[in-house]
Amino acid sequence: MRPHGSGPLPPPLKRIDLARELLKLLLRETPSAAGSDALQVLALARVTTEDPVRRTLDVPVAEAQTLFAWLHGLSFVRSTAAGLISHGLVREAVLVDLRWRDPETNERLLRRLHAHLTERLTRCTGELGVRRRPRLPR
């Protein structure tokens, strides 16, 4: 049972059907392949900026800017200081659809996003580590 008495989760095939219908209603028009990929990056990352879109999709800066602007214009995406965030229900629908429809792309995008975030974290913690390293007496 889910919290708040909302009943059991629907069987997997019903979840997939619900996810696809929700996406059809919200997107009104079918996004380009690149738009669909950007939406998947947003869902996988939870919060995104142009940089994760560019690096995960391996697209030029101008294309990442265009895709980010398209994401920003969607009614179910909100802008925060950290970047763009999609509505939780939409995020779940995108992920359910992607995992069912194209598990290989799901894995590929996850690996690229993970590599990008790991690189960023390493860069940040490496910089902090250099600044915070104590000096040993000579």
N, C-alpha and C. Protein backbone atom coordinates (compact mmCIF):
# COMPACT_ATOMS: atom_id res chain seq x y z
N MET A 1 0.84 -1.19 0.00
CA MET A 1 0.00 0.00 0.00
C MET A 1 0.88 1.24 0.00
N ARG A 2 0.44 2.24 -0.70
CA ARG A 2 1.15 3.52 -0.70
C ARG A 2 0.62 4.37 0.44
N PRO A 3 1.39 5.36 0.84
CA PRO A 3 0.94 6.24 1.93
C PRO A 3 -0.36 6.94 1.59
N HIS A 4 -1.02 7.41 2.60
CA HIS A 4 -2.24 8.21 2.48
C HIS A 4 -3.41 7.42 1.89
N GLY A 5 -3.39 6.08 1.96
CA GLY A 5 -4.52 5.28 1.54
C GLY A 5 -4.84 5.35 0.07
N SER A 6 -3.85 5.61 -0.77
CA SER A 6 -4.13 5.76 -2.19
C SER A 6 -4.17 4.43 -2.92
N GLY A 7 -4.07 3.34 -2.21
CA GLY A 7 -4.20 2.03 -2.82
C GLY A 7 -2.87 1.48 -3.29
N PRO A 8 -2.89 0.23 -3.73
CA PRO A 8 -1.65 -0.41 -4.17
C PRO A 8 -1.17 0.18 -5.50
N LEU A 9 0.13 0.02 -5.75
CA LEU A 9 0.67 0.47 -7.03
C LEU A 9 0.04 -0.35 -8.15
N PRO A 10 -0.22 0.27 -9.29
CA PRO A 10 -0.79 -0.49 -10.41
C PRO A 10 0.23 -1.50 -10.94
N PRO A 11 -0.26 -2.58 -11.55
CA PRO A 11 0.65 -3.56 -12.14
C PRO A 11 1.55 -2.86 -13.16
N PRO A 12 2.74 -3.44 -13.44
CA PRO A 12 3.70 -2.78 -14.32
C PRO A 12 3.14 -2.34 -15.67
N LEU A 13 2.36 -3.16 -16.33
CA LEU A 13 1.83 -2.76 -17.65
C LEU A 13 0.87 -1.59 -17.54
N LYS A 14 0.07 -1.54 -16.48
CA LYS A 14 -0.82 -0.40 -16.29
C LYS A 14 -0.02 0.85 -16.01
N ARG A 15 1.09 0.73 -15.26
CA ARG A 15 1.95 1.89 -14.99
C ARG A 15 2.53 2.42 -16.29
N ILE A 16 2.93 1.52 -17.17
CA ILE A 16 3.49 1.94 -18.46
C ILE A 16 2.43 2.66 -19.28
N ASP A 17 1.23 2.09 -19.33
CA ASP A 17 0.14 2.73 -20.08
C ASP A 17 -0.20 4.10 -19.50
N LEU A 18 -0.26 4.20 -18.17
CA LEU A 18 -0.53 5.48 -17.52
C LEU A 18 0.57 6.50 -17.84
N ALA A 19 1.80 6.05 -17.79
CA ALA A 19 2.93 6.94 -18.07
C ALA A 19 2.85 7.48 -19.49
N ARG A 20 2.58 6.61 -20.44
CA ARG A 20 2.51 7.03 -21.85
C ARG A 20 1.36 8.01 -22.08
N GLU A 21 0.21 7.75 -21.47
CA GLU A 21 -0.94 8.65 -21.62
C GLU A 21 -0.66 10.01 -21.00
N LEU A 22 -0.05 10.02 -19.83
CA LEU A 22 0.29 11.28 -19.18
C LEU A 22 1.23 12.09 -20.06
N LEU A 23 2.23 11.44 -20.62
CA LEU A 23 3.19 12.15 -21.47
C LEU A 23 2.51 12.70 -22.72
N LYS A 24 1.61 11.93 -23.30
CA LYS A 24 0.87 12.41 -24.48
C LYS A 24 0.08 13.67 -24.15
N LEU A 25 -0.60 13.65 -23.01
CA LEU A 25 -1.41 14.81 -22.61
C LEU A 25 -0.55 16.04 -22.34
N LEU A 26 0.57 15.85 -21.68
CA LEU A 26 1.39 16.98 -21.28
C LEU A 26 2.23 17.56 -22.40
N LEU A 27 2.68 16.73 -23.29
CA LEU A 27 3.59 17.22 -24.33
C LEU A 27 2.86 17.79 -25.54
N ARG A 28 1.60 17.52 -25.67
CA ARG A 28 0.75 18.06 -26.75
C ARG A 28 1.29 17.77 -28.15
N GLU A 29 2.55 17.96 -28.35
CA GLU A 29 3.15 17.60 -29.63
C GLU A 29 4.34 16.70 -29.32
N THR A 30 4.64 15.82 -30.25
CA THR A 30 5.75 14.90 -30.03
C THR A 30 7.05 15.68 -30.11
N PRO A 31 7.87 15.60 -29.06
CA PRO A 31 9.15 16.32 -29.13
C PRO A 31 10.07 15.67 -30.14
N SER A 32 11.05 16.42 -30.61
CA SER A 32 12.07 15.85 -31.48
C SER A 32 12.81 14.77 -30.71
N ALA A 33 13.61 14.01 -31.41
CA ALA A 33 14.41 12.98 -30.72
C ALA A 33 15.32 13.65 -29.69
N ALA A 34 15.91 14.79 -30.04
CA ALA A 34 16.78 15.50 -29.11
C ALA A 34 15.98 16.03 -27.91
N GLY A 35 14.77 16.52 -28.15
CA GLY A 35 13.91 16.99 -27.06
C GLY A 35 13.54 15.86 -26.11
N SER A 36 13.24 14.72 -26.69
CA SER A 36 12.92 13.54 -25.88
C SER A 36 14.13 13.13 -25.03
N ASP A 37 15.31 13.17 -25.64
CA ASP A 37 16.54 12.85 -24.90
C ASP A 37 16.76 13.83 -23.75
N ALA A 38 16.55 15.13 -24.02
CA ALA A 38 16.73 16.16 -22.99
C ALA A 38 15.76 15.95 -21.83
N LEU A 39 14.52 15.58 -22.16
CA LEU A 39 13.52 15.30 -21.12
C LEU A 39 13.96 14.10 -20.28
N GLN A 40 14.56 13.11 -20.91
CA GLN A 40 15.05 11.95 -20.20
C GLN A 40 16.22 12.32 -19.28
N VAL A 41 17.10 13.20 -19.75
CA VAL A 41 18.20 13.66 -18.90
C VAL A 41 17.64 14.38 -17.68
N LEU A 42 16.65 15.25 -17.91
CA LEU A 42 16.03 15.97 -16.80
C LEU A 42 15.44 14.99 -15.79
N ALA A 43 14.77 13.95 -16.27
CA ALA A 43 14.17 12.97 -15.37
C ALA A 43 15.24 12.19 -14.60
N LEU A 44 16.29 11.80 -15.28
CA LEU A 44 17.35 11.02 -14.63
C LEU A 44 18.13 11.86 -13.62
N ALA A 45 18.36 13.12 -13.96
CA ALA A 45 19.19 13.98 -13.11
C ALA A 45 18.41 14.60 -11.95
N ARG A 46 17.11 14.64 -12.06
CA ARG A 46 16.23 15.31 -11.08
C ARG A 46 16.31 16.82 -11.18
N VAL A 47 17.52 17.38 -11.24
CA VAL A 47 17.75 18.82 -11.42
C VAL A 47 18.80 18.93 -12.50
N THR A 48 18.57 19.80 -13.47
CA THR A 48 19.58 19.92 -14.52
C THR A 48 19.78 21.36 -14.96
N THR A 49 20.95 21.58 -15.52
CA THR A 49 21.31 22.84 -16.15
C THR A 49 21.76 22.51 -17.57
N GLU A 50 22.21 23.50 -18.31
CA GLU A 50 22.67 23.24 -19.68
C GLU A 50 23.83 22.26 -19.73
N ASP A 51 24.75 22.36 -18.76
CA ASP A 51 25.96 21.54 -18.80
C ASP A 51 25.67 20.03 -18.76
N PRO A 52 24.86 19.53 -17.82
CA PRO A 52 24.55 18.09 -17.87
C PRO A 52 23.82 17.67 -19.15
N VAL A 53 22.96 18.55 -19.67
CA VAL A 53 22.29 18.23 -20.94
C VAL A 53 23.33 18.08 -22.03
N ARG A 54 24.24 19.05 -22.12
CA ARG A 54 25.27 19.02 -23.17
C ARG A 54 26.17 17.80 -23.04
N ARG A 55 26.65 17.56 -21.84
CA ARG A 55 27.62 16.47 -21.67
C ARG A 55 26.98 15.08 -21.73
N THR A 56 25.77 14.94 -21.20
CA THR A 56 25.11 13.63 -21.23
C THR A 56 24.68 13.27 -22.65
N LEU A 57 24.21 14.26 -23.40
CA LEU A 57 23.76 14.00 -24.77
C LEU A 57 24.88 14.17 -25.78
N ASP A 58 26.02 14.70 -25.36
CA ASP A 58 27.16 14.93 -26.23
C ASP A 58 26.76 15.78 -27.45
N VAL A 59 26.20 16.95 -27.13
CA VAL A 59 25.77 17.88 -28.18
C VAL A 59 26.54 19.19 -28.04
N PRO A 60 26.59 19.98 -29.12
CA PRO A 60 27.25 21.28 -29.05
C PRO A 60 26.54 22.23 -28.08
N VAL A 61 27.26 23.24 -27.63
CA VAL A 61 26.73 24.21 -26.67
C VAL A 61 25.43 24.83 -27.17
N ALA A 62 25.39 25.24 -28.43
CA ALA A 62 24.18 25.89 -28.97
C ALA A 62 22.97 24.96 -28.92
N GLU A 63 23.18 23.70 -29.22
CA GLU A 63 22.06 22.75 -29.16
C GLU A 63 21.61 22.52 -27.72
N ALA A 64 22.57 22.44 -26.80
CA ALA A 64 22.22 22.28 -25.38
C ALA A 64 21.42 23.49 -24.90
N GLN A 65 21.78 24.68 -25.34
CA GLN A 65 21.05 25.89 -24.97
C GLN A 65 19.62 25.84 -25.49
N THR A 66 19.45 25.39 -26.73
CA THR A 66 18.12 25.28 -27.33
C THR A 66 17.28 24.25 -26.58
N LEU A 67 17.87 23.10 -26.27
CA LEU A 67 17.14 22.05 -25.55
C LEU A 67 16.77 22.51 -24.13
N PHE A 68 17.69 23.20 -23.47
CA PHE A 68 17.43 23.70 -22.13
C PHE A 68 16.29 24.71 -22.16
N ALA A 69 16.30 25.58 -23.14
CA ALA A 69 15.22 26.58 -23.28
C ALA A 69 13.89 25.88 -23.54
N TRP A 70 13.89 24.82 -24.34
CA TRP A 70 12.66 24.06 -24.61
C TRP A 70 12.16 23.43 -23.31
N LEU A 71 13.06 22.81 -22.54
CA LEU A 71 12.66 22.21 -21.26
C LEU A 71 12.08 23.28 -20.34
N HIS A 72 12.72 24.43 -20.30
CA HIS A 72 12.30 25.53 -19.42
C HIS A 72 10.88 25.99 -19.76
N GLY A 73 10.48 25.88 -21.00
CA GLY A 73 9.17 26.32 -21.43
C GLY A 73 8.04 25.33 -21.18
N LEU A 74 8.37 24.13 -20.74
CA LEU A 74 7.33 23.12 -20.49
C LEU A 74 6.57 23.45 -19.22
N SER A 75 5.26 23.24 -19.25
CA SER A 75 4.39 23.63 -18.13
C SER A 75 4.68 22.85 -16.84
N PHE A 76 5.26 21.69 -16.94
CA PHE A 76 5.51 20.86 -15.76
C PHE A 76 6.95 20.94 -15.27
N VAL A 77 7.69 21.91 -15.79
CA VAL A 77 9.08 22.12 -15.37
C VAL A 77 9.17 23.46 -14.66
N ARG A 78 9.83 23.46 -13.50
CA ARG A 78 10.00 24.74 -12.80
C ARG A 78 11.48 25.04 -12.66
N SER A 79 11.75 26.32 -12.59
CA SER A 79 13.12 26.80 -12.48
C SER A 79 13.45 27.07 -11.03
N THR A 80 14.62 26.62 -10.59
CA THR A 80 15.11 26.88 -9.23
C THR A 80 16.52 27.43 -9.33
N ALA A 81 17.07 27.83 -8.22
CA ALA A 81 18.45 28.33 -8.20
C ALA A 81 19.43 27.25 -8.66
N ALA A 82 19.09 25.98 -8.43
CA ALA A 82 19.98 24.87 -8.80
C ALA A 82 19.81 24.45 -10.26
N GLY A 83 18.71 24.82 -10.89
CA GLY A 83 18.44 24.42 -12.28
C GLY A 83 16.98 24.08 -12.47
N LEU A 84 16.71 23.32 -13.52
CA LEU A 84 15.33 22.94 -13.84
C LEU A 84 14.96 21.64 -13.13
N ILE A 85 13.70 21.57 -12.69
CA ILE A 85 13.16 20.38 -12.03
C ILE A 85 11.80 20.08 -12.65
N SER A 86 11.58 18.81 -13.00
CA SER A 86 10.26 18.45 -13.53
C SER A 86 9.35 18.02 -12.38
N HIS A 87 8.06 18.11 -12.61
CA HIS A 87 7.08 17.64 -11.63
C HIS A 87 7.35 16.16 -11.37
N GLY A 88 7.23 15.73 -10.13
CA GLY A 88 7.53 14.35 -9.75
C GLY A 88 6.77 13.30 -10.52
N LEU A 89 5.50 13.55 -10.77
CA LEU A 89 4.69 12.58 -11.51
C LEU A 89 5.17 12.46 -12.95
N VAL A 90 5.52 13.57 -13.55
CA VAL A 90 6.02 13.56 -14.93
C VAL A 90 7.38 12.87 -14.98
N ARG A 91 8.21 13.18 -14.00
CA ARG A 91 9.53 12.53 -13.94
C ARG A 91 9.37 11.02 -13.89
N GLU A 92 8.49 10.55 -13.04
CA GLU A 92 8.25 9.12 -12.92
C GLU A 92 7.72 8.54 -14.23
N ALA A 93 6.82 9.26 -14.88
CA ALA A 93 6.25 8.79 -16.15
C ALA A 93 7.34 8.66 -17.22
N VAL A 94 8.22 9.64 -17.29
CA VAL A 94 9.32 9.60 -18.27
C VAL A 94 10.23 8.40 -17.98
N LEU A 95 10.56 8.19 -16.71
CA LEU A 95 11.45 7.09 -16.36
C LEU A 95 10.82 5.72 -16.60
N VAL A 96 9.54 5.57 -16.24
CA VAL A 96 8.85 4.30 -16.48
C VAL A 96 8.81 4.01 -17.97
N ASP A 97 8.47 5.02 -18.78
CA ASP A 97 8.41 4.83 -20.23
C ASP A 97 9.78 4.49 -20.80
N LEU A 98 10.81 5.21 -20.39
CA LEU A 98 12.15 4.97 -20.92
C LEU A 98 12.66 3.58 -20.55
N ARG A 99 12.49 3.19 -19.30
CA ARG A 99 12.97 1.86 -18.87
C ARG A 99 12.27 0.74 -19.62
N TRP A 100 10.99 0.94 -19.92
CA TRP A 100 10.22 -0.09 -20.62
C TRP A 100 10.53 -0.08 -22.11
N ARG A 101 10.54 1.10 -22.70
CA ARG A 101 10.67 1.25 -24.15
C ARG A 101 12.10 1.05 -24.64
N ASP A 102 13.09 1.55 -23.89
CA ASP A 102 14.47 1.53 -24.39
C ASP A 102 15.47 1.42 -23.24
N PRO A 103 15.57 0.23 -22.63
CA PRO A 103 16.47 0.07 -21.48
C PRO A 103 17.93 0.36 -21.81
N GLU A 104 18.34 0.12 -23.06
CA GLU A 104 19.73 0.39 -23.44
C GLU A 104 20.03 1.89 -23.40
N THR A 105 19.10 2.70 -23.90
CA THR A 105 19.28 4.15 -23.84
C THR A 105 19.26 4.61 -22.40
N ASN A 106 18.39 4.06 -21.59
CA ASN A 106 18.35 4.38 -20.17
C ASN A 106 19.72 4.16 -19.53
N GLU A 107 20.31 3.01 -19.79
CA GLU A 107 21.63 2.69 -19.22
C GLU A 107 22.71 3.61 -19.77
N ARG A 108 22.68 3.88 -21.07
CA ARG A 108 23.68 4.75 -21.70
C ARG A 108 23.62 6.16 -21.11
N LEU A 109 22.40 6.71 -21.00
CA LEU A 109 22.25 8.05 -20.43
C LEU A 109 22.68 8.08 -18.96
N LEU A 110 22.32 7.05 -18.22
CA LEU A 110 22.73 6.98 -16.81
C LEU A 110 24.26 6.95 -16.67
N ARG A 111 24.92 6.15 -17.52
CA ARG A 111 26.39 6.08 -17.46
C ARG A 111 27.01 7.43 -17.79
N ARG A 112 26.51 8.10 -18.83
CA ARG A 112 27.07 9.41 -19.20
C ARG A 112 26.81 10.46 -18.13
N LEU A 113 25.61 10.47 -17.58
CA LEU A 113 25.28 11.42 -16.53
C LEU A 113 26.13 11.16 -15.29
N HIS A 114 26.28 9.89 -14.93
CA HIS A 114 27.10 9.53 -13.79
C HIS A 114 28.55 9.97 -14.00
N ALA A 115 29.09 9.74 -15.19
CA ALA A 115 30.47 10.15 -15.49
C ALA A 115 30.62 11.66 -15.35
N HIS A 116 29.65 12.41 -15.87
CA HIS A 116 29.71 13.87 -15.78
C HIS A 116 29.66 14.33 -14.33
N LEU A 117 28.72 13.79 -13.56
CA LEU A 117 28.57 14.20 -12.16
C LEU A 117 29.77 13.78 -11.32
N THR A 118 30.33 12.62 -11.61
CA THR A 118 31.53 12.16 -10.90
C THR A 118 32.70 13.10 -11.19
N GLU A 119 32.84 13.49 -12.45
CA GLU A 119 33.90 14.43 -12.83
C GLU A 119 33.75 15.76 -12.10
N ARG A 120 32.51 16.26 -12.05
CA ARG A 120 32.26 17.52 -11.34
C ARG A 120 32.57 17.41 -9.86
N LEU A 121 32.12 16.33 -9.26
CA LEU A 121 32.36 16.12 -7.84
C LEU A 121 33.85 15.99 -7.55
N THR A 122 34.56 15.25 -8.38
CA THR A 122 35.99 15.07 -8.20
C THR A 122 36.71 16.41 -8.32
N ARG A 123 36.30 17.20 -9.31
CA ARG A 123 36.89 18.52 -9.50
C ARG A 123 36.64 19.40 -8.27
N CYS A 124 35.41 19.39 -7.77
CA CYS A 124 35.07 20.22 -6.60
C CYS A 124 35.78 19.75 -5.34
N THR A 125 35.75 18.46 -5.07
CA THR A 125 36.39 17.96 -3.86
C THR A 125 37.89 18.02 -3.98
N GLY A 126 38.42 17.86 -5.18
CA GLY A 126 39.86 18.00 -5.39
C GLY A 126 40.31 19.40 -5.08
N GLU A 127 39.53 20.38 -5.53
CA GLU A 127 39.87 21.78 -5.25
C GLU A 127 39.78 22.04 -3.75
N LEU A 128 38.77 21.51 -3.11
CA LEU A 128 38.63 21.70 -1.67
C LEU A 128 39.77 21.01 -0.93
N GLY A 129 40.11 19.82 -1.40
CA GLY A 129 41.19 19.06 -0.77
C GLY A 129 42.52 19.80 -0.84
N VAL A 130 42.78 20.49 -1.93
CA VAL A 130 44.03 21.24 -2.06
C VAL A 130 44.03 22.40 -1.08
N ARG A 131 42.93 23.10 -0.96
CA ARG A 131 42.86 24.25 -0.06
C ARG A 131 42.89 23.84 1.41
N ARG A 132 42.35 22.71 1.74
CA ARG A 132 42.21 22.32 3.14
C ARG A 132 43.35 21.43 3.61
N ARG A 133 44.26 21.08 2.74
CA ARG A 133 45.34 20.20 3.13
C ARG A 133 46.23 20.89 4.16
N PRO A 134 46.42 20.29 5.32
CA PRO A 134 47.26 20.96 6.33
C PRO A 134 48.72 20.94 5.91
N ARG A 135 49.41 21.96 6.32
CA ARG A 135 50.86 22.01 6.06
C ARG A 135 51.57 21.25 7.17
N LEU A 136 52.48 20.43 6.78
CA LEU A 136 53.26 19.67 7.76
C LEU A 136 54.47 20.50 8.18
N PRO A 137 54.83 20.42 9.45
CA PRO A 137 56.01 21.16 9.90
C PRO A 137 57.27 20.56 9.26
N ARG A 138 58.24 21.41 8.99
CA ARG A 138 59.48 20.92 8.37
C ARG A 138 60.54 20.70 9.39
